[in-house]
Amino acid sequence: MNTTVKVLLAAFLAICVGVHVYGLLAPFSSESTLSHLIHLVGYSTCLVSVLLKKNPFTLPLYLCGALYPFFYHALCAWHSYTLAQELNYICVLVIVVLPLGAVWVAKKPK
């Protein structure tokens, strides 16, 4: 079970990294270059902390990496829902998976 969660979380984060690399190379939204770069650094940091063996720094590293993407997507989901009365499912997915990833990183065995 532990390996399955690790693989799924790593795959999710790798896809997030890929989306923002693509966003830098071929802009597909109004998101700024700086925002794509910060997302890229954040998701990459989370990915590294998932792949590392557990140590005292893995959870703080993950949390630091997840801060910007989590709050960016939470705000995006809020605006999407309040202004257009529709859910942005990508944003919802990010704001659900990132905290679950933090719980997994905190509990993963050494």
Protein backbone atom coordinates (compact mmCIF):
# COMPACT_ATOMS: atom_id res chain seq x y z
CA MET A 1 0.00 0.00 0.00
CA ASN A 2 2.80 2.40 0.91
CA THR A 3 4.49 1.92 -2.48
CA THR A 4 1.20 2.43 -4.33
CA VAL A 5 0.56 5.75 -2.58
CA LYS A 6 4.14 6.84 -3.24
CA VAL A 7 3.86 6.01 -6.95
CA LEU A 8 0.47 7.72 -7.34
CA LEU A 9 1.57 10.84 -5.45
CA ALA A 10 4.84 11.02 -7.39
CA ALA A 11 2.94 10.60 -10.68
CA PHE A 12 0.51 13.38 -9.73
CA LEU A 13 3.36 15.73 -8.84
CA ALA A 14 5.30 14.81 -12.00
CA ILE A 15 2.23 15.65 -14.09
CA CYS A 16 1.94 18.98 -12.26
CA VAL A 17 5.59 19.71 -13.03
CA GLY A 18 5.03 18.77 -16.67
CA VAL A 19 1.97 21.01 -17.00
CA HIS A 20 3.90 24.02 -15.75
CA VAL A 21 6.94 23.28 -17.93
CA TYR A 22 4.54 23.15 -20.87
CA GLY A 23 2.93 26.38 -19.64
CA LEU A 24 6.33 28.07 -19.80
CA LEU A 25 7.08 26.77 -23.29
CA ALA A 26 3.63 27.20 -24.83
CA PRO A 27 1.41 29.50 -22.73
CA PHE A 28 -2.12 28.11 -22.63
CA SER A 29 -3.68 30.37 -19.99
CA SER A 30 -3.39 33.87 -18.59
CA GLU A 31 -1.08 32.62 -15.83
CA SER A 32 2.16 34.60 -15.72
CA THR A 33 5.61 33.19 -16.36
CA LEU A 34 6.55 33.91 -12.76
CA SER A 35 3.56 31.96 -11.47
CA HIS A 36 4.49 28.99 -13.68
CA LEU A 37 8.07 29.14 -12.35
CA ILE A 38 6.89 29.25 -8.72
CA HIS A 39 4.53 26.34 -9.36
CA LEU A 40 7.38 24.44 -11.00
CA VAL A 41 9.68 24.97 -8.02
CA GLY A 42 6.89 24.12 -5.55
CA TYR A 43 5.78 20.91 -7.24
CA SER A 44 9.39 19.85 -7.83
CA THR A 45 10.14 20.39 -4.14
CA CYS A 46 7.13 18.29 -3.18
CA LEU A 47 8.19 15.56 -5.61
CA VAL A 48 11.72 15.44 -4.19
CA SER A 49 10.39 15.22 -0.64
CA VAL A 50 8.10 12.32 -1.64
CA LEU A 51 10.98 10.44 -3.26
CA LEU A 52 13.49 11.03 -0.43
CA LYS A 53 13.79 8.67 2.50
CA LYS A 54 12.05 10.07 5.55
CA ASN A 55 14.18 12.42 7.59
CA PRO A 56 13.45 15.45 9.79
CA PHE A 57 13.36 17.71 6.72
CA THR A 58 10.98 15.84 4.39
CA LEU A 59 7.72 17.16 5.84
CA PRO A 60 8.85 20.81 6.17
CA LEU A 61 10.27 20.58 2.64
CA TYR A 62 6.98 19.21 1.31
CA LEU A 63 4.94 21.84 3.13
CA CYS A 64 7.10 24.68 1.83
CA GLY A 65 6.77 23.36 -1.70
CA ALA A 66 3.01 22.91 -1.42
CA LEU A 67 2.20 26.37 -0.02
CA TYR A 68 2.00 28.39 -3.24
CA PRO A 69 0.28 25.76 -5.39
CA PHE A 70 -2.27 25.02 -2.66
CA PHE A 71 -3.24 28.64 -2.05
CA TYR A 72 -3.12 29.56 -5.75
CA HIS A 73 -5.50 26.74 -6.64
CA ALA A 74 -7.74 27.34 -3.59
CA LEU A 75 -8.16 30.96 -4.68
CA CYS A 76 -8.70 29.88 -8.29
CA ALA A 77 -11.38 27.38 -7.20
CA TRP A 78 -13.06 29.98 -5.02
CA HIS A 79 -13.18 32.55 -7.82
CA SER A 80 -14.39 29.97 -10.32
CA TYR A 81 -17.18 28.87 -8.02
CA THR A 82 -18.28 32.30 -6.78
CA LEU A 83 -18.03 34.16 -10.09
CA ALA A 84 -19.06 31.50 -12.61
CA GLN A 85 -20.95 29.08 -10.33
CA GLU A 86 -18.89 26.18 -11.62
CA LEU A 87 -16.20 24.03 -10.09
CA ASN A 88 -12.71 23.98 -11.50
CA TYR A 89 -11.98 20.30 -10.96
CA ILE A 90 -8.24 20.66 -11.50
CA CYS A 91 -8.08 23.18 -8.67
CA VAL A 92 -10.23 20.96 -6.45
CA LEU A 93 -7.97 18.00 -7.20
CA VAL A 94 -4.86 19.99 -6.24
CA ILE A 95 -6.36 21.30 -2.99
CA VAL A 96 -7.38 17.77 -2.01
CA VAL A 97 -4.26 15.85 -3.08
CA LEU A 98 -1.60 18.21 -1.70
CA PRO A 99 -2.81 17.99 1.94
CA LEU A 100 -3.28 14.22 1.61
CA GLY A 101 0.30 14.07 0.35
CA ALA A 102 1.46 15.97 3.42
CA VAL A 103 -0.28 13.45 5.67
CA TRP A 104 1.37 10.60 3.78
CA VAL A 105 4.83 12.24 3.95
CA ALA A 106 4.37 12.76 7.71
CA LYS A 107 3.41 9.11 8.26
CA LYS A 108 5.65 7.33 5.77
CA PRO A 109 8.10 4.86 7.29
CA LYS A 110 11.83 5.56 7.35
